[in-house]
C-alpha atoms as a PDB file:
ATOM      1  CA  MET A   1      22.229  27.637 -17.079  1.00  0.00           C
ATOM      2  CA  LEU A   2      21.447  24.233 -15.586  1.00  0.00           C
ATOM      3  CA  ARG A   3      23.635  21.165 -15.339  1.00  0.00           C
ATOM      4  CA  ILE A   4      21.879  17.942 -16.265  1.00  0.00           C
ATOM      5  CA  LYS A   5      23.065  14.368 -16.350  1.00  0.00           C
ATOM      6  CA  ARG A   6      21.909  11.100 -17.833  1.00  0.00           C
ATOM      7  CA  ARG A   7      24.117   8.056 -17.318  1.00  0.00           C
ATOM      8  CA  ASN A   8      27.628   9.343 -18.066  1.00  0.00           C
ATOM      9  CA  ARG A   9      26.590  12.349 -20.144  1.00  0.00           C
ATOM     10  CA  GLU A  10      26.530  15.843 -18.616  1.00  0.00           C
ATOM     11  CA  LEU A  11      25.172  18.914 -20.371  1.00  0.00           C
ATOM     12  CA  LEU A  12      24.674  22.607 -19.685  1.00  0.00           C
ATOM     13  CA  ILE A  13      21.245  23.727 -20.845  1.00  0.00           C
ATOM     14  CA  ASP A  14      19.082  26.818 -20.773  1.00  0.00           C
ATOM     15  CA  ASP A  15      16.459  27.007 -18.020  1.00  0.00           C
ATOM     16  CA  ARG A  16      13.662  27.056 -20.632  1.00  0.00           C
ATOM     17  CA  ASP A  17      14.593  23.546 -21.840  1.00  0.00           C
ATOM     18  CA  LYS A  18      14.488  21.992 -18.370  1.00  0.00           C
ATOM     19  CA  ALA A  19      11.076  20.278 -18.729  1.00  0.00           C
ATOM     20  CA  THR A  20      12.037  18.685 -22.036  1.00  0.00           C
ATOM     21  CA  TYR A  21      15.241  17.203 -20.672  1.00  0.00           C
ATOM     22  CA  LEU A  22      13.523  15.997 -17.477  1.00  0.00           C
ATOM     23  CA  ASN A  23      10.995  14.138 -19.644  1.00  0.00           C
ATOM     24  CA  ASP A  24      13.870  12.635 -21.641  1.00  0.00           C
ATOM     25  CA  GLY A  25      15.403  11.082 -18.508  1.00  0.00           C
ATOM     26  CA  TYR A  26      17.993  13.692 -17.524  1.00  0.00           C
ATOM     27  CA  ASP A  27      18.454  14.648 -13.853  1.00  0.00           C
ATOM     28  CA  VAL A  28      19.221  18.223 -12.817  1.00  0.00           C
ATOM     29  CA  ILE A  29      22.460  18.172 -10.788  1.00  0.00           C
ATOM     30  CA  ASP A  30      24.449  20.656  -8.728  1.00  0.00           C
ATOM     31  CA  ASP A  31      28.117  21.500  -9.105  1.00  0.00           C
ATOM     32  CA  GLU A  32      29.146  18.495  -7.001  1.00  0.00           C
ATOM     33  CA  GLY A  33      27.105  16.067  -9.106  1.00  0.00           C
ATOM     34  CA  HIS A  34      24.301  15.497  -6.582  1.00  0.00           C
ATOM     35  CA  ILE A  35      20.812  15.175  -8.013  1.00  0.00           C
ATOM     36  CA  VAL A  36      18.794  18.323  -7.324  1.00  0.00           C
ATOM     37  CA  GLU A  37      15.725  17.317  -9.333  1.00  0.00           C
ATOM     38  CA  PRO A  38      15.218  13.771 -10.625  1.00  0.00           C
ATOM     39  CA  ALA A  39      14.033  12.953 -14.117  1.00  0.00           C
ATOM     40  CA  THR A  40      10.284  12.680 -14.630  1.00  0.00           C
ATOM     41  CA  GLY A  41      10.322  10.259 -17.539  1.00  0.00           C
ATOM     42  CA  GLY A  42      12.394   8.345 -20.053  1.00  0.00           C
ATOM     43  CA  LYS A  43      14.670   6.947 -17.396  1.00  0.00           C
ATOM     44  CA  THR A  44      15.465   3.272 -17.058  1.00  0.00           C
ATOM     45  CA  ILE A  45      17.013   1.458 -14.156  1.00  0.00           C
ATOM     46  CA  SER A  46      19.000  -1.713 -14.118  1.00  0.00           C
ATOM     47  CA  TYR A  47      17.510  -5.023 -13.051  1.00  0.00           C
ATOM     48  CA  ALA A  48      19.822  -5.069 -10.015  1.00  0.00           C
ATOM     49  CA  GLU A  49      18.547  -1.650  -8.893  1.00  0.00           C
ATOM     50  CA  HIS A  50      14.980  -2.847  -9.390  1.00  0.00           C
ATOM     51  CA  LEU A  51      15.556  -5.952  -7.264  1.00  0.00           C
ATOM     52  CA  ALA A  52      17.290  -3.901  -4.578  1.00  0.00           C
ATOM     53  CA  GLU A  53      14.257  -1.610  -4.345  1.00  0.00           C
ATOM     54  CA  ILE A  54      11.867  -4.568  -4.187  1.00  0.00           C
ATOM     55  CA  ASN A  55      13.907  -6.192  -1.412  1.00  0.00           C
ATOM     56  CA  ALA A  56      14.008  -2.913   0.527  1.00  0.00           C
ATOM     57  CA  LEU A  57      10.212  -2.652   0.297  1.00  0.00           C
ATOM     58  CA  LYS A  58       9.750  -6.285   1.333  1.00  0.00           C
ATOM     59  CA  ALA A  59      11.920  -5.646   4.395  1.00  0.00           C
ATOM     60  CA  GLN A  60       9.498  -2.929   5.479  1.00  0.00           C
ATOM     61  CA  ILE A  61       6.561  -5.341   5.546  1.00  0.00           C
ATOM     62  CA  LYS A  62       5.895  -6.745   8.993  1.00  0.00           C
ATOM     63  CA  PRO A  63       6.640 -10.484   8.846  1.00  0.00           C
ATOM     64  CA  ASP A  64       3.996 -11.360  11.436  1.00  0.00           C
ATOM     65  CA  GLN A  65       1.104  -9.730   9.591  1.00  0.00           C
ATOM     66  CA  SER A  66      -0.166 -13.081   8.362  1.00  0.00           C
ATOM     67  CA  ALA A  67      -0.234 -14.421  11.931  1.00  0.00           C
ATOM     68  CA  GLU A  68      -2.247 -11.388  13.036  1.00  0.00           C
ATOM     69  CA  LEU A  69      -4.619 -11.891  10.126  1.00  0.00           C
ATOM     70  CA  ASP A  70      -5.161 -15.563  11.039  1.00  0.00           C
ATOM     71  CA  GLU A  71      -5.840 -14.598  14.654  1.00  0.00           C
ATOM     72  CA  LEU A  72      -8.389 -11.990  13.576  1.00  0.00           C
ATOM     73  CA  LYS A  73     -10.098 -14.518  11.282  1.00  0.00           C
ATOM     74  CA  GLU A  74     -10.440 -16.947  14.214  1.00  0.00           C
ATOM     75  CA  LYS A  75     -11.942 -14.218  16.403  1.00  0.00           C
ATOM     76  CA  LEU A  76     -14.384 -13.350  13.618  1.00  0.00           C
ATOM     77  CA  GLN A  77     -15.501 -16.990  13.337  1.00  0.00           C
ATOM     78  CA  GLU A  78     -16.019 -17.173  17.116  1.00  0.00           C
ATOM     79  CA  ALA A  79     -18.043 -13.957  17.047  1.00  0.00           C
ATOM     80  CA  GLU A  80     -20.181 -15.259  14.175  1.00  0.00           C
ATOM     81  CA  LYS A  81     -20.882 -18.483  16.131  1.00  0.00           C
ATOM     82  CA  THR A  82     -21.857 -16.436  19.180  1.00  0.00           C
ATOM     83  CA  ILE A  83     -24.165 -14.245  17.100  1.00  0.00           C
ATOM     84  CA  HIS A  84     -25.807 -17.314  15.546  1.00  0.00           C
ATOM     85  CA  GLY A  85     -26.343 -18.833  18.996  1.00  0.00           C
ATOM     86  CA  LEU A  86     -27.829 -15.628  20.357  1.00  0.00           C
ATOM     87  CA  LYS A  87     -30.176 -15.284  17.381  1.00  0.00           C
ATOM     88  CA  THR A  88     -31.351 -18.876  17.885  1.00  0.00           C
ATOM     89  CA  GLU A  89     -31.941 -18.247  21.580  1.00  0.00           C
ATOM     90  CA  LEU A  90     -33.798 -15.011  20.821  1.00  0.00           C
ATOM     91  CA  GLY A  91     -36.028 -16.849  18.354  1.00  0.00           C
ATOM     92  CA  LYS A  92     -36.860 -19.496  20.973  1.00  0.00           C
ATOM     93  CA  LEU A  93     -37.675 -16.829  23.565  1.00  0.00           C
ATOM     94  CA  LYS A  94     -39.920 -14.959  21.130  1.00  0.00           C
ATOM     95  CA  SER A  95     -41.827 -18.121  20.215  1.00  0.00           C
ATOM     96  CA  LYS A  96     -42.176 -19.011  23.922  1.00  0.00           C
ATOM     97  CA  GLU A  97     -43.448 -15.486  24.637  1.00  0.00           C
ATOM     98  CA  LYS A  98     -45.910 -15.761  21.775  1.00  0.00           C
ATOM     99  CA  LYS A  99     -47.231 -19.099  23.110  1.00  0.00           C
ATOM    100  CA  ASN A 100     -47.604 -17.628  26.607  1.00  0.00           C
ATOM    101  CA  ALA A 101     -49.486 -14.622  25.188  1.00  0.00           C
ATOM    102  CA  GLU A 102     -51.821 -16.941  23.235  1.00  0.00           C
ATOM    103  CA  ALA A 103     -52.406 -19.117  26.309  1.00  0.00           C
ATOM    104  CA  ALA A 104     -53.205 -16.100  28.443  1.00  0.00           C
ATOM    105  CA  SER A 105     -55.835 -14.843  26.040  1.00  0.00           C
END
């Protein structure tokens, strides 16, 4: 026999009915009332619990991530400018080399 609980209702059920009750939002609990296996469906939480979870997740986000992102964007722009300058210089050198080859022949 398993002990299950949903809100303030506790039941003793047969092991064969476990999946059904888990889908209905009941948690499997031990003799002390601690959750052994949480419900898999049909369970609702209060708005306060939802907000608490959201705030806990927000606290885990590094606050300076946006600053790091801005710094990386600046470095990318500098690298793109450097690449453009090098491509321009390479084009000039190739055209100069081509002119020298034509003049030599």
